[in-house]
Structure formats: structure tokens, C-alpha cells
Amino acid sequence: MANNSKNNNTKDNGFNDFKNFFASCWGGIIGAILGLIFACTSAYRIVIGIIIIVACCWAGYYFQYNKEKVKNALKNFIDKL
């Protein structure tokens, strides 16, 4: 009996370790699974396109509302060249 309960306790600890690992790293695990799906289905092209569109929208918004700051930064960059 004692040996049987020891084995159950070891199995429970293993399951608890797995649960703790999954609970602490679930974002990375889901990300890896999605990455594999995107890579295998060539869906990464769509994702990259969406990222480029969002980045360009953000840049346009930033440039519109920070004209002077961008203008001075570009001027300083060109002067260094």
C-alpha cells in the first residue's frame, strides 16, 4: 500500500509540475503553435502584410502629429551624412 501511494504521489507531482510549467509559459506555447501553423500554411505572408500596414499607419500618425520633431531629427541626420 505504501509503495502504491508513493507512485501516485510521484505521478501527481509530475502532473503538477506540468500544470505549473504550462500555466507560467502558456503564451510562449500558444505562440509557438501559431508560428508553426503560419509557417506550414504560408499564412505568414498575410501576417507580415498586416504588420507592415499597421506600422505604416502608426508612422503616418506619428509624423502628422510630431512634424517639428521629425523635421529636426531628419535635418540632424542629413547634416551628419
N, C-alpha and C. Protein backbone atom coordinates (compact mmCIF):
# COMPACT_ATOMS: atom_id res chain seq x y z
N MET A 1 0.80 -1.20 0.00
CA MET A 1 0.00 0.00 0.00
C MET A 1 0.84 1.26 0.00
N ALA A 2 1.86 1.28 0.83
CA ALA A 2 2.69 2.47 0.93
C ALA A 2 3.40 2.74 -0.39
N ASN A 3 3.85 1.69 -1.05
CA ASN A 3 4.54 1.83 -2.32
C ASN A 3 3.58 2.37 -3.39
N ASN A 4 2.34 1.92 -3.37
CA ASN A 4 1.34 2.37 -4.32
C ASN A 4 1.04 3.86 -4.15
N SER A 5 0.91 4.32 -2.92
CA SER A 5 0.63 5.74 -2.68
C SER A 5 1.83 6.59 -3.04
N LYS A 6 3.04 6.03 -2.91
CA LYS A 6 4.24 6.77 -3.30
C LYS A 6 4.25 7.00 -4.81
N ASN A 7 3.87 5.98 -5.57
CA ASN A 7 3.82 6.12 -7.02
C ASN A 7 2.76 7.14 -7.44
N ASN A 8 1.60 7.12 -6.79
CA ASN A 8 0.56 8.09 -7.09
C ASN A 8 1.03 9.50 -6.78
N ASN A 9 1.73 9.66 -5.66
CA ASN A 9 2.24 10.97 -5.28
C ASN A 9 3.25 11.47 -6.31
N THR A 10 4.10 10.59 -6.81
CA THR A 10 5.07 10.97 -7.83
C THR A 10 4.36 11.38 -9.11
N LYS A 11 3.33 10.64 -9.49
CA LYS A 11 2.57 10.99 -10.69
C LYS A 11 1.88 12.33 -10.51
N ASP A 12 1.32 12.57 -9.34
CA ASP A 12 0.66 13.84 -9.08
C ASP A 12 1.66 14.99 -9.14
N ASN A 13 2.85 14.79 -8.59
CA ASN A 13 3.86 15.85 -8.64
C ASN A 13 4.27 16.12 -10.08
N GLY A 14 4.39 15.08 -10.88
CA GLY A 14 4.73 15.27 -12.29
C GLY A 14 3.65 16.05 -13.01
N PHE A 15 2.39 15.73 -12.73
CA PHE A 15 1.29 16.46 -13.35
C PHE A 15 1.25 17.90 -12.86
N ASN A 16 1.51 18.11 -11.56
CA ASN A 16 1.54 19.47 -11.03
C ASN A 16 2.67 20.27 -11.63
N ASP A 17 3.84 19.62 -11.84
CA ASP A 17 4.95 20.32 -12.48
C ASP A 17 4.57 20.73 -13.90
N PHE A 18 3.90 19.82 -14.62
CA PHE A 18 3.46 20.14 -15.98
C PHE A 18 2.45 21.28 -15.96
N LYS A 19 1.48 21.21 -15.03
CA LYS A 19 0.49 22.28 -14.92
C LYS A 19 1.15 23.62 -14.62
N ASN A 20 2.12 23.62 -13.69
CA ASN A 20 2.82 24.85 -13.35
C ASN A 20 3.60 25.39 -14.54
N PHE A 21 4.28 24.50 -15.27
CA PHE A 21 5.03 24.93 -16.44
C PHE A 21 4.08 25.52 -17.48
N PHE A 22 2.98 24.83 -17.76
CA PHE A 22 2.04 25.32 -18.76
C PHE A 22 1.40 26.63 -18.32
N ALA A 23 1.10 26.76 -17.02
CA ALA A 23 0.47 27.99 -16.52
C ALA A 23 1.43 29.18 -16.63
N SER A 24 2.72 28.93 -16.45
CA SER A 24 3.67 30.05 -16.49
C SER A 24 4.14 30.37 -17.90
N CYS A 25 4.04 29.42 -18.83
CA CYS A 25 4.57 29.62 -20.19
C CYS A 25 3.51 29.45 -21.26
N TRP A 26 2.24 29.63 -20.96
CA TRP A 26 1.19 29.35 -21.92
C TRP A 26 1.27 30.27 -23.13
N GLY A 27 1.68 31.51 -22.95
CA GLY A 27 1.77 32.44 -24.08
C GLY A 27 2.81 31.99 -25.09
N GLY A 28 3.96 31.54 -24.59
CA GLY A 28 5.00 31.06 -25.49
C GLY A 28 4.61 29.79 -26.21
N ILE A 29 3.91 28.92 -25.52
CA ILE A 29 3.48 27.66 -26.13
C ILE A 29 2.44 27.94 -27.23
N ILE A 30 1.47 28.79 -26.94
CA ILE A 30 0.46 29.14 -27.95
C ILE A 30 1.12 29.85 -29.12
N GLY A 31 2.06 30.75 -28.83
CA GLY A 31 2.77 31.45 -29.90
C GLY A 31 3.55 30.50 -30.79
N ALA A 32 4.20 29.51 -30.19
CA ALA A 32 4.96 28.54 -30.98
C ALA A 32 4.03 27.71 -31.87
N ILE A 33 2.89 27.32 -31.33
CA ILE A 33 1.93 26.54 -32.13
C ILE A 33 1.41 27.38 -33.29
N LEU A 34 1.05 28.64 -33.02
CA LEU A 34 0.57 29.52 -34.09
C LEU A 34 1.67 29.77 -35.11
N GLY A 35 2.91 29.94 -34.65
CA GLY A 35 4.03 30.13 -35.57
C GLY A 35 4.21 28.94 -36.49
N LEU A 36 4.10 27.74 -35.95
CA LEU A 36 4.20 26.55 -36.79
C LEU A 36 3.08 26.48 -37.81
N ILE A 37 1.88 26.83 -37.38
CA ILE A 37 0.74 26.81 -38.31
C ILE A 37 0.95 27.84 -39.42
N PHE A 38 1.38 29.06 -39.05
CA PHE A 38 1.62 30.09 -40.06
C PHE A 38 2.72 29.67 -41.03
N ALA A 39 3.80 29.09 -40.51
CA ALA A 39 4.92 28.69 -41.36
C ALA A 39 4.52 27.56 -42.30
N CYS A 40 3.73 26.63 -41.82
CA CYS A 40 3.33 25.48 -42.65
C CYS A 40 2.28 25.83 -43.69
N THR A 41 1.51 26.87 -43.46
CA THR A 41 0.42 27.20 -44.38
C THR A 41 0.71 28.45 -45.22
N SER A 42 1.87 29.01 -45.09
CA SER A 42 2.25 30.24 -45.79
C SER A 42 1.36 31.41 -45.41
N ALA A 43 0.70 31.33 -44.26
CA ALA A 43 -0.13 32.43 -43.79
C ALA A 43 0.73 33.57 -43.25
N TYR A 44 2.03 33.31 -43.08
CA TYR A 44 2.90 34.36 -42.57
C TYR A 44 2.97 35.54 -43.53
N ARG A 45 2.72 35.31 -44.81
CA ARG A 45 2.72 36.41 -45.77
C ARG A 45 1.62 37.41 -45.45
N ILE A 46 0.47 36.91 -45.08
CA ILE A 46 -0.65 37.78 -44.71
C ILE A 46 -0.31 38.53 -43.42
N VAL A 47 0.26 37.82 -42.46
CA VAL A 47 0.60 38.44 -41.18
C VAL A 47 1.65 39.53 -41.38
N ILE A 48 2.66 39.26 -42.19
CA ILE A 48 3.70 40.26 -42.45
C ILE A 48 3.09 41.47 -43.15
N GLY A 49 2.18 41.24 -44.08
CA GLY A 49 1.50 42.35 -44.76
C GLY A 49 0.70 43.20 -43.78
N ILE A 50 -0.01 42.56 -42.88
CA ILE A 50 -0.79 43.30 -41.87
C ILE A 50 0.14 44.09 -40.96
N ILE A 51 1.26 43.50 -40.56
CA ILE A 51 2.23 44.21 -39.71
C ILE A 51 2.78 45.43 -40.42
N ILE A 52 3.10 45.30 -41.70
CA ILE A 52 3.63 46.44 -42.46
C ILE A 52 2.58 47.54 -42.57
N ILE A 53 1.34 47.17 -42.82
CA ILE A 53 0.26 48.17 -42.92
C ILE A 53 0.08 48.90 -41.60
N VAL A 54 0.06 48.16 -40.49
CA VAL A 54 -0.11 48.79 -39.18
C VAL A 54 1.08 49.69 -38.85
N ALA A 55 2.29 49.25 -39.18
CA ALA A 55 3.48 50.07 -38.91
C ALA A 55 3.46 51.36 -39.72
N CYS A 56 3.04 51.28 -40.98
CA CYS A 56 2.96 52.48 -41.81
C CYS A 56 1.87 53.43 -41.32
N CYS A 57 0.75 52.88 -40.88
CA CYS A 57 -0.32 53.73 -40.31
C CYS A 57 0.18 54.45 -39.07
N TRP A 58 0.87 53.72 -38.20
CA TRP A 58 1.41 54.33 -36.98
C TRP A 58 2.43 55.40 -37.33
N ALA A 59 3.31 55.14 -38.29
CA ALA A 59 4.33 56.11 -38.68
C ALA A 59 3.68 57.37 -39.25
N GLY A 60 2.67 57.21 -40.10
CA GLY A 60 1.97 58.37 -40.65
C GLY A 60 1.30 59.21 -39.57
N TYR A 61 0.68 58.54 -38.62
CA TYR A 61 0.04 59.24 -37.50
C TYR A 61 1.08 59.99 -36.68
N TYR A 62 2.22 59.32 -36.39
CA TYR A 62 3.28 59.94 -35.60
C TYR A 62 3.86 61.15 -36.32
N PHE A 63 4.12 61.00 -37.62
CA PHE A 63 4.69 62.11 -38.40
C PHE A 63 3.72 63.28 -38.47
N GLN A 64 2.45 63.01 -38.57
CA GLN A 64 1.45 64.07 -38.68
C GLN A 64 1.40 64.91 -37.41
N TYR A 65 1.48 64.26 -36.25
CA TYR A 65 1.33 65.00 -35.00
C TYR A 65 2.65 65.42 -34.37
N ASN A 66 3.77 65.06 -34.96
CA ASN A 66 5.08 65.45 -34.45
C ASN A 66 5.96 65.98 -35.58
N LYS A 67 5.39 66.90 -36.38
CA LYS A 67 6.08 67.39 -37.57
C LYS A 67 7.42 68.04 -37.24
N GLU A 68 7.43 68.91 -36.26
CA GLU A 68 8.66 69.64 -35.92
C GLU A 68 9.75 68.70 -35.41
N LYS A 69 9.36 67.78 -34.57
CA LYS A 69 10.32 66.83 -34.02
C LYS A 69 10.93 65.97 -35.12
N VAL A 70 10.10 65.50 -36.04
CA VAL A 70 10.57 64.67 -37.15
C VAL A 70 11.43 65.51 -38.09
N LYS A 71 11.01 66.71 -38.34
CA LYS A 71 11.75 67.61 -39.22
C LYS A 71 13.15 67.86 -38.67
N ASN A 72 13.24 68.15 -37.37
CA ASN A 72 14.55 68.39 -36.76
C ASN A 72 15.41 67.12 -36.75
N ALA A 73 14.81 65.98 -36.49
CA ALA A 73 15.56 64.72 -36.48
C ALA A 73 16.10 64.40 -37.86
N LEU A 74 15.30 64.61 -38.91
CA LEU A 74 15.77 64.37 -40.28
C LEU A 74 16.86 65.36 -40.66
N LYS A 75 16.69 66.60 -40.24
CA LYS A 75 17.71 67.62 -40.54
C LYS A 75 19.03 67.25 -39.88
N ASN A 76 19.00 66.84 -38.64
CA ASN A 76 20.23 66.45 -37.94
C ASN A 76 20.85 65.20 -38.58
N PHE A 77 20.02 64.27 -39.02
CA PHE A 77 20.52 63.05 -39.67
C PHE A 77 21.21 63.38 -40.99
N ILE A 78 20.58 64.27 -41.78
CA ILE A 78 21.16 64.66 -43.07
C ILE A 78 22.45 65.45 -42.87
N ASP A 79 22.50 66.29 -41.84
CA ASP A 79 23.71 67.05 -41.56
C ASP A 79 24.88 66.14 -41.19
N LYS A 80 24.60 65.01 -40.52
CA LYS A 80 25.65 64.07 -40.14
C LYS A 80 26.22 63.33 -41.35
N LEU A 81 25.40 63.17 -42.40
CA LEU A 81 25.87 62.50 -43.60
C LEU A 81 26.83 63.39 -44.33
